[in-house]
Every structure is written in C-alpha cells, then in structure tokens.
N, C-alpha and C. Protein backbone atom coordinates (compact mmCIF):
# COMPACT_ATOMS: atom_id res chain seq x y z
N MET A 1 34.59 108.26 -78.84
CA MET A 1 33.71 108.99 -78.94
C MET A 1 33.15 108.83 -79.90
N LEU A 2 34.02 108.43 -80.88
CA LEU A 2 33.37 108.03 -82.01
C LEU A 2 32.15 107.38 -82.60
N ASP A 3 32.26 105.85 -81.56
CA ASP A 3 31.27 104.97 -81.41
C ASP A 3 29.63 106.03 -80.70
N ARG A 4 30.24 107.29 -80.11
CA ARG A 4 29.05 107.59 -80.00
C ARG A 4 27.96 108.62 -81.20
N ALA A 5 29.08 108.95 -81.67
CA ALA A 5 28.56 109.76 -82.83
C ALA A 5 28.07 108.78 -84.06
N ARG A 6 28.60 107.75 -83.94
CA ARG A 6 27.95 106.75 -84.78
C ARG A 6 26.62 106.26 -84.40
N VAL A 7 26.53 105.99 -83.44
CA VAL A 7 24.83 105.47 -82.50
C VAL A 7 24.29 106.72 -82.67
N THR A 8 24.81 107.95 -82.83
CA THR A 8 23.65 108.99 -82.83
C THR A 8 23.35 109.14 -84.22
N ARG A 9 24.34 109.53 -85.03
CA ARG A 9 23.97 109.40 -86.66
C ARG A 9 23.21 108.48 -86.96
N MET A 10 22.92 106.93 -86.36
CA MET A 10 21.99 106.00 -87.03
C MET A 10 20.82 106.49 -86.04
N ARG A 11 21.05 106.39 -85.31
CA ARG A 11 19.08 107.11 -84.49
C ARG A 11 18.91 107.94 -85.17
N CYS A 12 18.94 108.71 -85.85
CA CYS A 12 19.15 110.39 -86.65
C CYS A 12 18.66 109.51 -88.19
N LEU A 13 19.18 108.80 -88.69
CA LEU A 13 19.10 107.74 -89.81
C LEU A 13 17.66 107.33 -89.89
N LEU A 14 17.44 106.12 -88.79
CA LEU A 14 16.27 105.45 -88.13
C LEU A 14 14.75 106.03 -88.32
N ASP A 15 15.27 107.18 -87.44
CA ASP A 15 14.02 107.98 -87.14
C ASP A 15 13.62 108.93 -88.16
N GLN A 16 14.48 109.25 -89.58
CA GLN A 16 13.93 109.76 -90.63
C GLN A 16 13.30 108.88 -91.41
N ALA A 17 14.21 107.58 -91.61
CA ALA A 17 13.59 106.39 -92.62
C ALA A 17 12.15 105.86 -92.39
N MET A 18 11.78 106.11 -90.54
CA MET A 18 10.61 105.16 -90.04
C MET A 18 9.46 106.31 -90.26
N PRO A 19 8.33 105.75 -90.36
CA PRO A 19 6.78 107.25 -90.55
C PRO A 19 6.94 107.31 -88.82
N SER A 20 6.52 108.41 -88.23
CA SER A 20 5.87 108.42 -86.77
C SER A 20 4.74 107.43 -86.61
N GLU A 21 4.11 106.90 -87.35
CA GLU A 21 2.82 106.15 -86.78
C GLU A 21 2.85 104.98 -88.28
N PRO A 22 2.57 103.97 -88.15
CA PRO A 22 2.58 102.33 -88.68
C PRO A 22 1.50 102.64 -89.79
N PRO A 23 1.42 102.04 -91.26
CA PRO A 23 0.00 102.95 -91.87
C PRO A 23 -1.18 101.28 -90.95
N ARG A 24 -2.34 102.24 -91.30
CA ARG A 24 -3.18 101.27 -90.88
C ARG A 24 -3.94 100.42 -91.68
N LEU A 25 -4.13 99.04 -91.93
CA LEU A 25 -4.58 98.61 -92.99
C LEU A 25 -6.59 98.53 -92.49
N PRO A 26 -6.81 98.54 -93.62
CA PRO A 26 -8.64 98.87 -93.36
C PRO A 26 -8.62 97.11 -92.94
N ARG A 27 -10.11 96.96 -91.65
CA ARG A 27 -10.20 95.81 -91.46
C ARG A 27 -11.14 95.40 -91.89
N ALA A 28 -11.25 93.82 -92.79
CA ALA A 28 -12.42 93.74 -93.09
C ALA A 28 -12.96 92.54 -92.22
N SER A 29 -14.40 93.27 -91.87
CA SER A 29 -15.31 92.80 -91.11
C SER A 29 -16.38 91.68 -92.07
N SER A 30 -16.22 91.52 -93.09
CA SER A 30 -17.55 90.78 -93.69
C SER A 30 -16.46 90.10 -95.14
N LEU A 31 -16.90 89.03 -95.12
CA LEU A 31 -16.69 88.26 -96.49
C LEU A 31 -17.54 88.71 -97.59
N SER A 32 -17.04 89.72 -98.73
CA SER A 32 -18.63 90.01 -99.68
C SER A 32 -17.51 90.55 -100.77
N VAL A 33 -18.05 90.50 -101.72
CA VAL A 33 -17.26 90.93 -102.89
C VAL A 33 -17.72 92.50 -103.50
N SER A 34 -16.57 93.18 -103.51
CA SER A 34 -16.71 94.55 -103.52
C SER A 34 -17.68 95.00 -104.81
N ALA A 35 -18.28 96.20 -104.87
CA ALA A 35 -19.10 97.01 -105.55
C ALA A 35 -18.48 97.13 -106.93
N VAL A 36 -17.16 97.69 -106.71
CA VAL A 36 -16.38 98.11 -107.66
C VAL A 36 -15.92 97.72 -108.40
N ALA A 37 -15.03 96.16 -108.14
CA ALA A 37 -14.43 95.23 -108.83
C ALA A 37 -15.35 94.33 -108.91
N THR A 38 -15.48 93.88 -110.49
CA THR A 38 -15.96 92.87 -110.84
C THR A 38 -15.25 92.11 -111.65
N GLY A 39 -15.62 90.67 -111.95
CA GLY A 39 -14.50 89.86 -113.06
C GLY A 39 -14.49 88.31 -112.22
N PRO A 40 -13.40 88.04 -112.76
CA PRO A 40 -13.13 86.73 -112.02
C PRO A 40 -12.29 86.90 -110.84
N LEU A 41 -11.49 87.82 -110.40
CA LEU A 41 -10.49 88.18 -109.39
C LEU A 41 -10.84 88.11 -108.10
N PRO A 42 -12.17 89.06 -108.07
CA PRO A 42 -12.96 89.30 -106.73
C PRO A 42 -13.54 88.29 -106.10
N ARG A 43 -14.10 86.80 -107.07
CA ARG A 43 -14.84 86.00 -107.21
C ARG A 43 -14.23 85.02 -106.56
N ARG A 44 -12.61 84.91 -106.85
CA ARG A 44 -11.64 83.61 -106.66
C ARG A 44 -11.49 84.16 -105.55
N ALA A 45 -11.07 85.13 -104.74
CA ALA A 45 -10.73 86.26 -103.90
C ALA A 45 -11.88 85.88 -102.23
N LEU A 46 -12.95 85.77 -103.14
CA LEU A 46 -14.08 85.33 -102.18
C LEU A 46 -14.40 84.07 -101.49
N VAL A 47 -14.40 83.20 -102.97
CA VAL A 47 -14.12 81.64 -102.72
C VAL A 47 -13.04 81.57 -101.79
N LYS A 48 -11.99 81.45 -102.17
CA LYS A 48 -10.81 81.87 -100.94
C LYS A 48 -10.85 81.90 -99.55
N GLN A 49 -11.39 82.82 -98.96
CA GLN A 49 -12.25 83.56 -97.78
C GLN A 49 -12.94 82.40 -97.22
N LEU A 50 -13.57 82.16 -98.22
CA LEU A 50 -14.60 81.29 -97.45
C LEU A 50 -14.25 80.05 -97.06
N ALA A 51 -13.44 79.88 -98.12
CA ALA A 51 -13.24 78.67 -97.73
C ALA A 51 -11.99 78.47 -96.27
N LEU A 52 -11.58 79.66 -96.53
CA LEU A 52 -10.45 79.79 -95.31
C LEU A 52 -11.04 79.95 -93.71
N ALA A 53 -12.27 80.67 -93.94
CA ALA A 53 -13.28 80.79 -92.98
C ALA A 53 -14.27 79.18 -92.82
N VAL A 54 -14.27 79.02 -93.38
CA VAL A 54 -14.91 77.50 -93.04
C VAL A 54 -13.86 76.39 -92.66
N ALA A 55 -12.85 76.43 -92.60
CA ALA A 55 -11.85 75.27 -92.51
C ALA A 55 -11.90 75.97 -91.03
N ARG A 56 -11.25 76.72 -90.34
CA ARG A 56 -10.90 77.66 -89.44
C ARG A 56 -12.12 77.29 -88.57
N TYR A 57 -13.12 77.80 -88.62
CA TYR A 57 -14.20 77.75 -87.95
C TYR A 57 -15.35 76.35 -87.83
N GLY A 58 -14.90 75.54 -88.71
CA GLY A 58 -15.39 74.09 -88.80
C GLY A 58 -16.62 74.08 -89.27
N LEU A 59 -16.53 74.47 -90.10
CA LEU A 59 -18.40 75.16 -90.77
C LEU A 59 -18.73 74.38 -92.06
N GLN A 60 -17.88 73.24 -92.47
CA GLN A 60 -17.33 72.21 -93.73
C GLN A 60 -18.56 71.62 -93.66
N PRO A 61 -19.47 71.08 -92.44
CA PRO A 61 -20.21 69.77 -93.08
C PRO A 61 -21.48 70.72 -93.12
N GLU A 62 -21.73 72.01 -92.79
CA GLU A 62 -22.97 72.94 -93.43
C GLU A 62 -22.81 73.57 -94.59
N VAL A 63 -21.27 73.82 -94.72
CA VAL A 63 -21.37 74.31 -96.13
C VAL A 63 -21.55 73.28 -97.32
N ASP A 64 -21.14 71.99 -96.88
CA ASP A 64 -21.29 71.06 -97.87
C ASP A 64 -22.59 70.21 -98.06
N ALA A 65 -23.49 70.41 -96.54
CA ALA A 65 -24.89 70.72 -97.09
C ALA A 65 -25.50 71.70 -98.07
N TYR A 66 -24.99 72.99 -97.76
CA TYR A 66 -25.57 73.48 -98.83
C TYR A 66 -25.15 73.52 -100.51
N LEU A 67 -24.19 73.44 -100.80
CA LEU A 67 -23.39 72.70 -102.20
C LEU A 67 -24.16 71.56 -102.19
N ALA A 68 -24.40 70.72 -101.68
CA ALA A 68 -25.57 69.43 -102.21
C ALA A 68 -27.48 69.83 -102.56
N ALA A 69 -27.25 70.52 -101.72
CA ALA A 69 -28.86 71.07 -102.04
C ALA A 69 -28.98 72.09 -103.55
N ALA A 70 -27.69 72.25 -103.39
CA ALA A 70 -27.54 73.53 -104.57
C ALA A 70 -26.56 73.14 -105.86
N GLY A 71 -26.64 71.60 -105.59
CA GLY A 71 -26.11 70.80 -107.07
C GLY A 71 -25.18 71.10 -107.54
N CYS A 72 -23.85 71.93 -106.29
CA CYS A 72 -22.55 71.74 -107.06
C CYS A 72 -21.73 71.18 -106.13
N ALA A 73 -20.46 70.74 -106.79
CA ALA A 73 -19.15 69.77 -106.14
C ALA A 73 -18.57 70.86 -105.05
N SER A 74 -18.77 71.96 -105.46
CA SER A 74 -18.16 73.05 -104.73
C SER A 74 -18.00 74.29 -104.89
N LEU A 75 -17.49 75.38 -104.22
CA LEU A 75 -17.75 76.58 -103.96
C LEU A 75 -17.68 77.43 -104.93
N ASN A 76 -16.60 77.04 -106.07
CA ASN A 76 -16.54 77.55 -107.64
C ASN A 76 -17.97 77.40 -108.75
N GLY A 77 -18.60 75.83 -108.47
CA GLY A 77 -19.38 76.01 -109.13
C GLY A 77 -20.61 76.87 -108.24
N LEU A 78 -20.62 77.56 -107.54
CA LEU A 78 -22.07 77.90 -107.23
C LEU A 78 -21.96 79.26 -108.26
N GLU A 79 -23.39 79.94 -108.49
CA GLU A 79 -23.69 81.32 -108.60
C GLU A 79 -23.34 82.63 -108.24
N GLN A 80 -23.13 83.85 -108.47
CA GLN A 80 -22.57 84.52 -107.67
C GLN A 80 -23.96 84.73 -107.26
N ALA A 81 -25.01 84.64 -106.84
CA ALA A 81 -26.11 85.29 -106.00
C ALA A 81 -25.71 83.97 -104.60
N GLN A 82 -25.80 82.87 -105.04
CA GLN A 82 -25.38 81.69 -104.00
C GLN A 82 -24.24 81.66 -103.41
N LEU A 83 -22.87 82.28 -104.22
CA LEU A 83 -21.79 82.69 -103.60
C LEU A 83 -21.81 83.91 -102.61
N GLU A 84 -22.75 84.75 -102.73
CA GLU A 84 -22.74 85.88 -101.79
C GLU A 84 -23.84 85.55 -100.59
N ARG A 85 -24.77 84.83 -100.67
CA ARG A 85 -25.46 84.26 -99.74
C ARG A 85 -24.61 83.37 -98.40
N ILE A 86 -24.05 82.17 -99.57
CA ILE A 86 -23.31 81.36 -98.19
C ILE A 86 -22.27 82.61 -97.45
N ALA A 87 -21.72 83.54 -98.26
CA ALA A 87 -20.51 84.39 -97.47
C ALA A 87 -21.43 85.07 -96.20
N ALA A 88 -22.64 85.83 -96.97
CA ALA A 88 -23.77 86.27 -95.19
C ALA A 88 -23.32 85.48 -94.60
N TRP A 89 -24.41 84.01 -94.81
CA TRP A 89 -24.51 83.17 -93.54
C TRP A 89 -22.95 82.61 -93.17
N VAL A 90 -21.50 82.61 -93.59
CA VAL A 90 -20.64 82.19 -93.17
C VAL A 90 -19.89 83.26 -92.11
N THR A 91 -20.48 84.86 -92.54
CA THR A 91 -19.82 85.82 -92.05
C THR A 91 -20.57 85.84 -90.09
N GLN A 92 -22.07 85.71 -90.55
CA GLN A 92 -22.90 85.29 -89.74
C GLN A 92 -22.14 84.65 -88.45
N GLU A 93 -22.05 83.65 -88.91
CA GLU A 93 -21.56 82.07 -87.64
C GLU A 93 -20.59 82.46 -87.15
N VAL A 94 -19.02 83.22 -87.98
CA VAL A 94 -18.06 83.81 -87.64
C VAL A 94 -18.48 84.89 -86.33
N ASP A 95 -19.44 85.85 -86.85
CA ASP A 95 -19.46 86.86 -85.90
C ASP A 95 -19.96 86.13 -84.22
N ARG A 96 -21.41 85.16 -84.77
CA ARG A 96 -21.30 84.67 -83.45
C ARG A 96 -20.47 84.00 -82.93
N MET A 97 -19.58 83.24 -83.11
CA MET A 97 -18.66 82.52 -82.70
C MET A 97 -17.56 83.45 -81.82
N ALA A 98 -17.34 84.66 -82.73
CA ALA A 98 -16.51 85.59 -81.93
C ALA A 98 -16.79 86.02 -80.73
N THR A 99 -18.69 86.37 -80.96
CA THR A 99 -19.11 87.06 -79.45
C THR A 99 -19.71 86.01 -78.55
N ALA A 100 -19.80 84.84 -79.01
CA ALA A 100 -20.29 83.41 -77.99
C ALA A 100 -21.68 83.36 -78.13
N CYS A 101 -22.18 83.68 -79.33
CA CYS A 101 -23.73 84.22 -78.61
C CYS A 101 -24.19 82.48 -79.92
N ASP A 102 -25.26 82.14 -79.40
CA ASP A 102 -25.68 81.14 -79.65
C ASP A 102 -26.49 80.90 -81.09
N SER A 103 -26.40 80.08 -82.05
CA SER A 103 -26.98 80.00 -83.28
C SER A 103 -28.33 79.84 -82.91
N PRO A 104 -29.11 80.36 -84.09
CA PRO A 104 -30.65 80.61 -83.91
C PRO A 104 -31.31 78.96 -83.86
N ASP A 105 -30.36 78.48 -84.71
CA ASP A 105 -30.80 77.31 -84.99
C ASP A 105 -30.91 76.17 -84.08
N ALA A 106 -29.68 76.34 -82.88
CA ALA A 106 -29.04 75.73 -81.80
C ALA A 106 -30.39 75.69 -80.35
N PRO A 107 -30.86 74.71 -79.88
CA PRO A 107 -30.97 75.18 -78.49
C PRO A 107 -29.73 76.02 -77.39
N PRO A 108 -30.09 76.87 -77.26
CA PRO A 108 -29.50 77.29 -75.67
C PRO A 108 -28.53 76.37 -75.07
N ALA A 109 -27.38 76.80 -75.03
CA ALA A 109 -26.17 75.99 -74.43
C ALA A 109 -25.93 76.18 -73.20
N ARG A 110 -26.82 77.23 -72.84
CA ARG A 110 -26.64 77.95 -71.22
C ARG A 110 -27.97 77.25 -70.16
C-alpha cells in the first residue's frame, strides 16, 4: 500500500512540474540577419549558419567561386550586402534540394 501511495504522489508531482504542452520553437525558414538586431553577433551567426548549410548540402565549390569573384578568402571578408546575397542564394538552393526541384542553371534531370 505504501508503494502505491508513493507512485501516486510521484505522478502528481510530475504532472504539476511538466507543462501541458511542450514549448514550440520558431522554425527558421531562411538564413537572414534580423532587421532589429545589428552588430557583430548577428553577422557572426549568419556566417556560421551559411558555413553549416554549405558544408551539409555540398555547395562549397559554388560558394568558393562566389568568394573568388568577390575577392575574399572567406565569408567573413564579405560586405553585408554580399553576405545577404549569398545567404539568399544558399537558402534558395537548400529549398530546391528539400523539394527535389531542379536548379534553373542546370539541365533537367528527368
């Protein structure tokens, strides 16, 4: 009988401690700098997001060509407008890969 009381008490405590629904995190649908936040931290976060997406989706040769054309050695050397432009392109490419759409620059694969 003592064990049932402990189990019931523990269940009540767990129910009170846990929220009824887990908190939902906002989904990041694109790589972009927040219009509100300015300074080095949002830029650094964008550069890191770009580097992760480029590595994950195999876009390094294209990004390297863009960096060479811009005259920079890395994403950190790009100006803000250039960084936002490459972020928009990477976002488009990732979206195309996620929906299995062909790139407009490549011949159709089907």
